[in-house]
N, C-alpha and C. Protein backbone atom coordinates (compact mmCIF):
# COMPACT_ATOMS: atom_id res chain seq x y z
N MET A 1 68.35 -22.28 -30.51
CA MET A 1 67.61 -21.36 -31.36
C MET A 1 66.68 -20.51 -30.52
N GLN A 2 66.37 -20.87 -29.30
CA GLN A 2 65.39 -20.18 -28.50
C GLN A 2 65.79 -18.75 -28.17
N LYS A 3 67.10 -18.46 -27.98
CA LYS A 3 67.53 -17.11 -27.59
C LYS A 3 68.23 -16.39 -28.73
N GLU A 4 68.29 -17.01 -29.89
CA GLU A 4 68.94 -16.36 -31.01
C GLU A 4 68.04 -15.28 -31.63
N THR A 5 68.67 -14.30 -32.21
CA THR A 5 67.92 -13.32 -32.98
C THR A 5 67.63 -13.92 -34.33
N VAL A 6 66.39 -13.83 -34.72
CA VAL A 6 65.98 -14.42 -36.00
C VAL A 6 66.20 -13.40 -37.11
N THR A 7 67.01 -13.78 -38.04
CA THR A 7 67.25 -12.93 -39.22
C THR A 7 66.41 -13.46 -40.38
N PHE A 8 66.37 -12.71 -41.43
CA PHE A 8 65.60 -13.08 -42.60
C PHE A 8 66.12 -14.41 -43.17
N ASP A 9 67.43 -14.61 -43.13
CA ASP A 9 68.03 -15.85 -43.63
C ASP A 9 67.61 -17.07 -42.81
N LYS A 10 67.40 -16.86 -41.50
CA LYS A 10 67.06 -17.97 -40.62
C LYS A 10 65.56 -18.14 -40.44
N LEU A 11 64.75 -17.37 -41.14
CA LEU A 11 63.31 -17.41 -40.99
C LEU A 11 62.70 -18.77 -41.29
N PRO A 12 63.09 -19.46 -42.41
CA PRO A 12 62.50 -20.78 -42.63
C PRO A 12 62.82 -21.78 -41.51
N GLU A 13 64.03 -21.72 -40.97
CA GLU A 13 64.41 -22.59 -39.85
C GLU A 13 63.59 -22.26 -38.61
N ALA A 14 63.38 -20.97 -38.35
CA ALA A 14 62.60 -20.56 -37.19
C ALA A 14 61.14 -20.98 -37.31
N VAL A 15 60.59 -20.87 -38.50
CA VAL A 15 59.19 -21.28 -38.71
C VAL A 15 59.08 -22.79 -38.52
N GLY A 16 60.03 -23.53 -39.02
CA GLY A 16 60.02 -24.99 -38.84
C GLY A 16 60.08 -25.38 -37.36
N TYR A 17 60.95 -24.67 -36.61
CA TYR A 17 61.07 -24.93 -35.19
C TYR A 17 59.76 -24.64 -34.47
N LEU A 18 59.14 -23.50 -34.79
CA LEU A 18 57.88 -23.13 -34.14
C LEU A 18 56.76 -24.13 -34.49
N THR A 19 56.75 -24.60 -35.72
CA THR A 19 55.76 -25.59 -36.14
C THR A 19 55.89 -26.86 -35.31
N GLU A 20 57.13 -27.30 -35.12
CA GLU A 20 57.38 -28.51 -34.31
C GLU A 20 56.90 -28.29 -32.88
N GLN A 21 57.16 -27.11 -32.34
CA GLN A 21 56.74 -26.80 -30.96
C GLN A 21 55.22 -26.81 -30.83
N VAL A 22 54.55 -26.24 -31.80
CA VAL A 22 53.07 -26.22 -31.77
C VAL A 22 52.52 -27.63 -31.83
N ILE A 23 53.09 -28.46 -32.68
CA ILE A 23 52.63 -29.85 -32.79
C ILE A 23 52.81 -30.56 -31.45
N GLU A 24 53.95 -30.35 -30.82
CA GLU A 24 54.22 -30.96 -29.51
C GLU A 24 53.26 -30.46 -28.47
N LEU A 25 52.96 -29.15 -28.46
CA LEU A 25 51.99 -28.61 -27.49
C LEU A 25 50.61 -29.21 -27.70
N LYS A 26 50.19 -29.33 -28.95
CA LYS A 26 48.89 -29.93 -29.26
C LYS A 26 48.82 -31.36 -28.75
N ARG A 27 49.88 -32.10 -28.93
CA ARG A 27 49.92 -33.48 -28.47
C ARG A 27 49.80 -33.52 -26.94
N MET A 28 50.50 -32.65 -26.25
CA MET A 28 50.48 -32.63 -24.80
C MET A 28 49.09 -32.25 -24.28
N VAL A 29 48.46 -31.27 -24.90
CA VAL A 29 47.12 -30.86 -24.48
C VAL A 29 46.13 -31.96 -24.72
N SER A 30 46.22 -32.66 -25.84
CA SER A 30 45.27 -33.76 -26.13
C SER A 30 45.43 -34.89 -25.14
N GLU A 31 46.62 -35.10 -24.62
CA GLU A 31 46.83 -36.16 -23.61
C GLU A 31 46.22 -35.76 -22.28
N LEU A 32 46.15 -34.45 -22.00
CA LEU A 32 45.58 -33.99 -20.72
C LEU A 32 44.06 -34.03 -20.71
N GLN A 33 43.42 -33.95 -21.87
CA GLN A 33 41.98 -33.92 -21.94
C GLN A 33 41.41 -35.32 -21.68
N PRO A 34 40.32 -35.37 -20.95
CA PRO A 34 39.72 -36.69 -20.70
C PRO A 34 39.12 -37.24 -22.01
N PRO A 35 39.10 -38.55 -22.14
CA PRO A 35 38.53 -39.14 -23.36
C PRO A 35 37.06 -38.79 -23.50
N ALA A 36 36.61 -38.68 -24.72
CA ALA A 36 35.22 -38.35 -24.97
C ALA A 36 34.33 -39.49 -24.45
N SER A 37 33.28 -39.10 -23.79
CA SER A 37 32.39 -40.10 -23.18
C SER A 37 31.37 -40.59 -24.19
N ASP A 38 31.21 -41.91 -24.27
CA ASP A 38 30.16 -42.44 -25.13
C ASP A 38 28.84 -42.46 -24.37
N LYS A 39 28.84 -42.00 -23.13
CA LYS A 39 27.63 -41.95 -22.32
C LYS A 39 26.96 -40.56 -22.41
N HIS A 40 27.51 -39.63 -23.20
CA HIS A 40 26.91 -38.31 -23.33
C HIS A 40 25.77 -38.37 -24.32
N VAL A 41 24.71 -39.05 -23.89
CA VAL A 41 23.55 -39.28 -24.72
C VAL A 41 22.33 -38.75 -24.00
N LEU A 42 21.42 -38.09 -24.72
CA LEU A 42 20.19 -37.61 -24.14
C LEU A 42 19.28 -38.79 -23.85
N VAL A 43 18.70 -38.80 -22.66
CA VAL A 43 17.71 -39.84 -22.29
C VAL A 43 16.48 -39.16 -21.77
N GLU A 44 15.35 -39.85 -21.87
CA GLU A 44 14.09 -39.35 -21.37
C GLU A 44 13.93 -39.67 -19.90
N ILE A 45 12.86 -39.19 -19.31
CA ILE A 45 12.69 -39.33 -17.86
C ILE A 45 12.59 -40.77 -17.42
N GLU A 46 12.00 -41.63 -18.21
CA GLU A 46 11.90 -43.05 -17.83
C GLU A 46 13.29 -43.67 -17.66
N ASP A 47 14.19 -43.34 -18.59
CA ASP A 47 15.55 -43.85 -18.49
C ASP A 47 16.28 -43.23 -17.30
N ALA A 48 16.00 -41.94 -17.04
CA ALA A 48 16.62 -41.27 -15.89
C ALA A 48 16.19 -41.95 -14.60
N CYS A 49 14.92 -42.33 -14.51
CA CYS A 49 14.40 -43.04 -13.34
C CYS A 49 15.16 -44.34 -13.12
N ARG A 50 15.39 -45.05 -14.20
CA ARG A 50 16.11 -46.32 -14.12
C ARG A 50 17.57 -46.11 -13.73
N ILE A 51 18.20 -45.09 -14.29
CA ILE A 51 19.62 -44.84 -14.06
C ILE A 51 19.91 -44.48 -12.62
N ILE A 52 19.13 -43.51 -12.08
CA ILE A 52 19.41 -43.07 -10.71
C ILE A 52 18.51 -43.71 -9.66
N LYS A 53 17.64 -44.64 -10.15
CA LYS A 53 16.78 -45.43 -9.23
C LYS A 53 15.91 -44.55 -8.35
N LYS A 54 15.22 -43.61 -8.99
CA LYS A 54 14.29 -42.73 -8.30
C LYS A 54 12.97 -42.71 -9.07
N ALA A 55 11.89 -42.38 -8.37
CA ALA A 55 10.58 -42.29 -9.01
C ALA A 55 10.44 -40.97 -9.76
N LYS A 56 9.53 -40.93 -10.72
CA LYS A 56 9.30 -39.72 -11.50
C LYS A 56 9.04 -38.48 -10.65
N PRO A 57 8.14 -38.56 -9.66
CA PRO A 57 7.92 -37.34 -8.84
C PRO A 57 9.19 -36.84 -8.15
N THR A 58 10.02 -37.77 -7.72
CA THR A 58 11.29 -37.41 -7.08
C THR A 58 12.18 -36.66 -8.07
N ILE A 59 12.24 -37.17 -9.29
CA ILE A 59 13.08 -36.55 -10.33
C ILE A 59 12.58 -35.14 -10.63
N TYR A 60 11.25 -34.99 -10.76
CA TYR A 60 10.67 -33.67 -11.02
C TYR A 60 11.01 -32.70 -9.89
N THR A 61 10.97 -33.19 -8.67
CA THR A 61 11.33 -32.34 -7.50
C THR A 61 12.80 -31.94 -7.55
N LEU A 62 13.66 -32.90 -7.85
CA LEU A 62 15.09 -32.60 -7.91
C LEU A 62 15.41 -31.59 -9.00
N VAL A 63 14.73 -31.72 -10.13
CA VAL A 63 14.95 -30.79 -11.24
C VAL A 63 14.45 -29.39 -10.82
N ARG A 64 13.27 -29.32 -10.21
CA ARG A 64 12.70 -28.03 -9.80
C ARG A 64 13.60 -27.34 -8.79
N LYS A 65 14.24 -28.11 -7.90
CA LYS A 65 15.14 -27.50 -6.89
C LYS A 65 16.53 -27.21 -7.47
N GLY A 66 16.77 -27.64 -8.72
CA GLY A 66 18.08 -27.39 -9.33
C GLY A 66 19.16 -28.37 -8.91
N LEU A 67 18.76 -29.48 -8.32
CA LEU A 67 19.74 -30.49 -7.87
C LEU A 67 20.04 -31.53 -8.93
N LEU A 68 19.23 -31.57 -9.97
CA LEU A 68 19.42 -32.54 -11.04
C LEU A 68 19.46 -31.80 -12.37
N PRO A 69 20.56 -31.93 -13.11
CA PRO A 69 20.65 -31.21 -14.40
C PRO A 69 19.69 -31.82 -15.42
N ALA A 70 18.86 -30.94 -16.00
CA ALA A 70 17.88 -31.40 -16.98
C ALA A 70 17.77 -30.37 -18.10
N TYR A 71 17.28 -30.80 -19.21
CA TYR A 71 17.13 -29.97 -20.40
C TYR A 71 15.70 -30.13 -20.90
N LYS A 72 15.03 -29.01 -21.15
CA LYS A 72 13.65 -29.09 -21.53
C LYS A 72 13.50 -28.71 -23.00
N LYS A 73 12.75 -29.55 -23.72
CA LYS A 73 12.43 -29.25 -25.12
C LYS A 73 10.93 -29.44 -25.25
N GLY A 74 10.23 -28.35 -25.45
CA GLY A 74 8.78 -28.41 -25.47
C GLY A 74 8.31 -28.72 -24.07
N LYS A 75 7.52 -29.77 -23.94
CA LYS A 75 7.00 -30.15 -22.62
C LYS A 75 7.77 -31.32 -22.02
N LYS A 76 8.82 -31.78 -22.69
CA LYS A 76 9.55 -32.95 -22.21
C LYS A 76 10.86 -32.57 -21.55
N LEU A 77 11.21 -33.35 -20.56
CA LEU A 77 12.54 -33.18 -19.91
C LEU A 77 13.47 -34.25 -20.45
N TYR A 78 14.73 -33.83 -20.66
CA TYR A 78 15.77 -34.75 -21.11
C TYR A 78 16.94 -34.62 -20.17
N PHE A 79 17.72 -35.67 -20.11
CA PHE A 79 18.88 -35.73 -19.22
C PHE A 79 20.04 -36.34 -20.01
N TYR A 80 21.25 -35.94 -19.66
CA TYR A 80 22.43 -36.61 -20.21
C TYR A 80 22.84 -37.74 -19.29
N GLU A 81 23.01 -38.91 -19.87
CA GLU A 81 23.30 -40.10 -19.07
C GLU A 81 24.55 -39.94 -18.22
N ASP A 82 25.62 -39.36 -18.80
CA ASP A 82 26.86 -39.21 -18.05
C ASP A 82 26.70 -38.25 -16.87
N GLU A 83 25.84 -37.24 -17.01
CA GLU A 83 25.57 -36.34 -15.89
C GLU A 83 24.83 -37.07 -14.76
N LEU A 84 23.89 -37.93 -15.14
CA LEU A 84 23.17 -38.70 -14.13
C LEU A 84 24.09 -39.67 -13.41
N LEU A 85 24.99 -40.30 -14.16
CA LEU A 85 25.91 -41.27 -13.57
C LEU A 85 26.90 -40.57 -12.62
N GLY A 86 27.20 -39.32 -12.90
CA GLY A 86 28.12 -38.57 -12.08
C GLY A 86 27.55 -38.16 -10.74
N LEU A 87 26.26 -38.32 -10.58
CA LEU A 87 25.59 -37.94 -9.33
C LEU A 87 25.75 -38.96 -8.22
N ASP A 88 26.08 -40.17 -8.56
CA ASP A 88 26.19 -41.25 -7.58
C ASP A 88 27.26 -40.99 -6.54
């Protein structure tokens, strides 16, 4: 069916074929994606200290230099646990 000319009479068959192909492509793409991490959780600086085993001043310095990914909300810094674990 891939090289055939699609006529009006064969349109339902062609649509069915394309639907099957899209389903197969979606399945293949989902297999390639890494599983969702249950570690993608926001943590505060105290937890970040514990996770990467550094003191607060060291963490503030790493954030200021752009070496440690951090997110600021108001006056507080937050970190994603999976990003901190990926630094090891």
